Amino acid sequence: MTDLTAAAQAVSAAQKVVDAGIARLAEIGIDDNQVLAYDVAHAAAAVQTSQSLLDSYGPKGDVEARITVAFIADAVAEIAGKLFGREDDWGIDAAALDGTRAFVSAYRKPE
């Protein structure tokens, strides 16, 4: 059984990270921070795709829900990797995605 509620919470946490990254870029400018802008753009795309899956695909059935949570777990893990050691660049706390750890652990398994 999959947990779309936990997936939604993970997407919400990731959206907050993206929002912080966008706010940080608005503050410091894109021209001199293009790597950050690139990473924020990719994270934003992953979050929007995740939200779309939650809204229209995941609820259709068990297989769809399993695909949805696997995608979201992978997306959140990838975003976490972009943040590691660069939290100040993004304007976030190092623990910003800590609440997603159990979800990612449960649904990112390669089974």
C-alpha atoms as a PDB file:
ATOM      1  CA  MET A   1       0.000   0.000   0.000  1.00  0.00           C
ATOM      2  CA  THR A   2       1.251   3.476  -0.816  1.00  0.00           C
ATOM      3  CA  ASP A   3       0.918   6.634   1.205  1.00  0.00           C
ATOM      4  CA  LEU A   4      -0.199   9.512  -0.989  1.00  0.00           C
ATOM      5  CA  THR A   5      -0.688  11.687   2.107  1.00  0.00           C
ATOM      6  CA  ALA A   6       2.979  11.327   3.046  1.00  0.00           C
ATOM      7  CA  ALA A   7       3.861  11.961  -0.595  1.00  0.00           C
ATOM      8  CA  ALA A   8       1.869  15.194  -0.506  1.00  0.00           C
ATOM      9  CA  GLN A   9       3.703  16.261   2.645  1.00  0.00           C
ATOM     10  CA  ALA A  10       7.044  15.551   0.962  1.00  0.00           C
ATOM     11  CA  VAL A  11       6.012  17.612  -2.061  1.00  0.00           C
ATOM     12  CA  SER A  12       4.973  20.450   0.235  1.00  0.00           C
ATOM     13  CA  ALA A  13       8.365  20.400   1.967  1.00  0.00           C
ATOM     14  CA  ALA A  14      10.134  20.376  -1.402  1.00  0.00           C
ATOM     15  CA  GLN A  15       7.972  23.277  -2.601  1.00  0.00           C
ATOM     16  CA  LYS A  16       9.081  25.312   0.419  1.00  0.00           C
ATOM     17  CA  VAL A  17      12.700  24.654  -0.546  1.00  0.00           C
ATOM     18  CA  VAL A  18      12.010  25.771  -4.119  1.00  0.00           C
ATOM     19  CA  ASP A  19      10.227  28.886  -2.862  1.00  0.00           C
ATOM     20  CA  ALA A  20      13.231  29.718  -0.679  1.00  0.00           C
ATOM     21  CA  GLY A  21      15.569  29.207  -3.628  1.00  0.00           C
ATOM     22  CA  ILE A  22      13.486  31.522  -5.798  1.00  0.00           C
ATOM     23  CA  ALA A  23      13.417  34.146  -3.050  1.00  0.00           C
ATOM     24  CA  ARG A  24      17.175  33.852  -2.646  1.00  0.00           C
ATOM     25  CA  LEU A  25      17.708  34.318  -6.387  1.00  0.00           C
ATOM     26  CA  ALA A  26      15.449  37.370  -6.343  1.00  0.00           C
ATOM     27  CA  GLU A  27      17.682  38.768  -3.619  1.00  0.00           C
ATOM     28  CA  ILE A  28      21.111  37.968  -5.099  1.00  0.00           C
ATOM     29  CA  GLY A  29      20.372  37.971  -8.833  1.00  0.00           C
ATOM     30  CA  ILE A  30      20.514  35.288 -11.476  1.00  0.00           C
ATOM     31  CA  ASP A  31      23.401  36.529 -13.616  1.00  0.00           C
ATOM     32  CA  ASP A  32      26.091  35.802 -11.041  1.00  0.00           C
ATOM     33  CA  ASN A  33      24.318  32.722  -9.670  1.00  0.00           C
ATOM     34  CA  GLN A  34      23.447  30.676 -12.725  1.00  0.00           C
ATOM     35  CA  VAL A  35      24.287  27.308 -11.174  1.00  0.00           C
ATOM     36  CA  LEU A  36      21.845  28.002  -8.361  1.00  0.00           C
ATOM     37  CA  ALA A  37      19.238  29.188 -10.872  1.00  0.00           C
ATOM     38  CA  TYR A  38      19.685  25.981 -12.873  1.00  0.00           C
ATOM     39  CA  ASP A  39      19.308  23.811  -9.772  1.00  0.00           C
ATOM     40  CA  VAL A  40      16.260  25.753  -8.575  1.00  0.00           C
ATOM     41  CA  ALA A  41      14.659  25.414 -12.017  1.00  0.00           C
ATOM     42  CA  HIS A  42      15.191  21.648 -12.040  1.00  0.00           C
ATOM     43  CA  ALA A  43      13.870  21.339  -8.495  1.00  0.00           C
ATOM     44  CA  ALA A  44      10.819  23.432  -9.399  1.00  0.00           C
ATOM     45  CA  ALA A  45      10.100  21.219 -12.413  1.00  0.00           C
ATOM     46  CA  ALA A  46      10.359  18.096 -10.260  1.00  0.00           C
ATOM     47  CA  VAL A  47       8.023  19.566  -7.645  1.00  0.00           C
ATOM     48  CA  GLN A  48       5.447  20.606 -10.250  1.00  0.00           C
ATOM     49  CA  THR A  49       5.564  17.195 -11.903  1.00  0.00           C
ATOM     50  CA  SER A  50       5.187  15.570  -8.488  1.00  0.00           C
ATOM     51  CA  GLN A  51       2.164  17.725  -7.699  1.00  0.00           C
ATOM     52  CA  SER A  52       0.595  16.855 -11.043  1.00  0.00           C
ATOM     53  CA  LEU A  53       1.073  13.147 -10.353  1.00  0.00           C
ATOM     54  CA  LEU A  54      -0.520  13.565  -6.927  1.00  0.00           C
ATOM     55  CA  ASP A  55      -3.475  15.484  -8.299  1.00  0.00           C
ATOM     56  CA  SER A  56      -4.402  13.389 -11.303  1.00  0.00           C
ATOM     57  CA  TYR A  57      -2.444  10.156 -11.628  1.00  0.00           C
ATOM     58  CA  GLY A  58      -1.750   8.670  -8.205  1.00  0.00           C
ATOM     59  CA  PRO A  59      -5.395   8.437  -7.126  1.00  0.00           C
ATOM     60  CA  LYS A  60      -6.354   6.318 -10.171  1.00  0.00           C
ATOM     61  CA  GLY A  61      -5.250   3.022  -8.682  1.00  0.00           C
ATOM     62  CA  ASP A  62      -2.607   1.024  -6.866  1.00  0.00           C
ATOM     63  CA  VAL A  63      -0.107   0.857  -9.720  1.00  0.00           C
ATOM     64  CA  GLU A  64      -0.485   4.564 -10.414  1.00  0.00           C
ATOM     65  CA  ALA A  65      -0.054   5.369  -6.726  1.00  0.00           C
ATOM     66  CA  ARG A  66       3.095   3.237  -6.550  1.00  0.00           C
ATOM     67  CA  ILE A  67       4.583   5.025  -9.554  1.00  0.00           C
ATOM     68  CA  THR A  68       3.637   8.382  -8.031  1.00  0.00           C
ATOM     69  CA  VAL A  69       5.274   7.777  -4.660  1.00  0.00           C
ATOM     70  CA  ALA A  70       8.388   6.310  -6.289  1.00  0.00           C
ATOM     71  CA  PHE A  71       8.752   9.363  -8.530  1.00  0.00           C
ATOM     72  CA  ILE A  72       8.225  11.759  -5.630  1.00  0.00           C
ATOM     73  CA  ALA A  73      10.658   9.925  -3.362  1.00  0.00           C
ATOM     74  CA  ASP A  74      13.300  10.052  -6.076  1.00  0.00           C
ATOM     75  CA  ALA A  75      12.604  13.718  -6.834  1.00  0.00           C
ATOM     76  CA  VAL A  76      12.884  14.732  -3.175  1.00  0.00           C
ATOM     77  CA  ALA A  77      16.114  12.757  -2.782  1.00  0.00           C
ATOM     78  CA  GLU A  78      17.562  14.475  -5.861  1.00  0.00           C
ATOM     79  CA  ILE A  79      16.592  17.890  -4.498  1.00  0.00           C
ATOM     80  CA  ALA A  80      18.195  16.998  -1.162  1.00  0.00           C
ATOM     81  CA  GLY A  81      21.403  16.190  -3.016  1.00  0.00           C
ATOM     82  CA  LYS A  82      21.386  19.625  -4.639  1.00  0.00           C
ATOM     83  CA  LEU A  83      21.073  21.235  -1.208  1.00  0.00           C
ATOM     84  CA  PHE A  84      23.757  19.324   0.664  1.00  0.00           C
ATOM     85  CA  GLY A  85      26.480  21.761   1.658  1.00  0.00           C
ATOM     86  CA  ARG A  86      24.750  24.589  -0.221  1.00  0.00           C
ATOM     87  CA  GLU A  87      21.940  25.398   2.180  1.00  0.00           C
ATOM     88  CA  ASP A  88      23.089  29.007   2.562  1.00  0.00           C
ATOM     89  CA  ASP A  89      23.029  29.445  -1.214  1.00  0.00           C
ATOM     90  CA  TRP A  90      19.400  28.345  -1.236  1.00  0.00           C
ATOM     91  CA  GLY A  91      18.489  30.350   1.875  1.00  0.00           C
ATOM     92  CA  ILE A  92      17.268  27.317   3.795  1.00  0.00           C
ATOM     93  CA  ASP A  93      18.004  25.477   7.001  1.00  0.00           C
ATOM     94  CA  ALA A  94      20.021  22.279   6.650  1.00  0.00           C
ATOM     95  CA  ALA A  95      17.065  20.366   8.126  1.00  0.00           C
ATOM     96  CA  ALA A  96      14.566  21.633   5.534  1.00  0.00           C
ATOM     97  CA  LEU A  97      13.874  18.167   4.118  1.00  0.00           C
ATOM     98  CA  ASP A  98      14.538  16.090   7.229  1.00  0.00           C
ATOM     99  CA  GLY A  99      10.812  15.472   7.636  1.00  0.00           C
ATOM    100  CA  THR A 100      10.786  13.655   4.292  1.00  0.00           C
ATOM    101  CA  ARG A 101      13.477  11.137   5.210  1.00  0.00           C
ATOM    102  CA  ALA A 102      11.140   8.297   6.276  1.00  0.00           C
ATOM    103  CA  PHE A 103       9.013   8.739   3.154  1.00  0.00           C
ATOM    104  CA  VAL A 104      12.052   8.734   0.856  1.00  0.00           C
ATOM    105  CA  SER A 105      13.477   5.707   2.645  1.00  0.00           C
ATOM    106  CA  ALA A 106      10.227   3.783   2.289  1.00  0.00           C
ATOM    107  CA  TYR A 107       9.495   4.556  -1.352  1.00  0.00           C
ATOM    108  CA  ARG A 108      12.874   5.014  -3.030  1.00  0.00           C
ATOM    109  CA  LYS A 109      13.809   1.369  -2.611  1.00  0.00           C
ATOM    110  CA  PRO A 110      14.574  -0.292  -5.938  1.00  0.00           C
ATOM    111  CA  GLU A 111      12.013  -3.075  -5.426  1.00  0.00           C
END
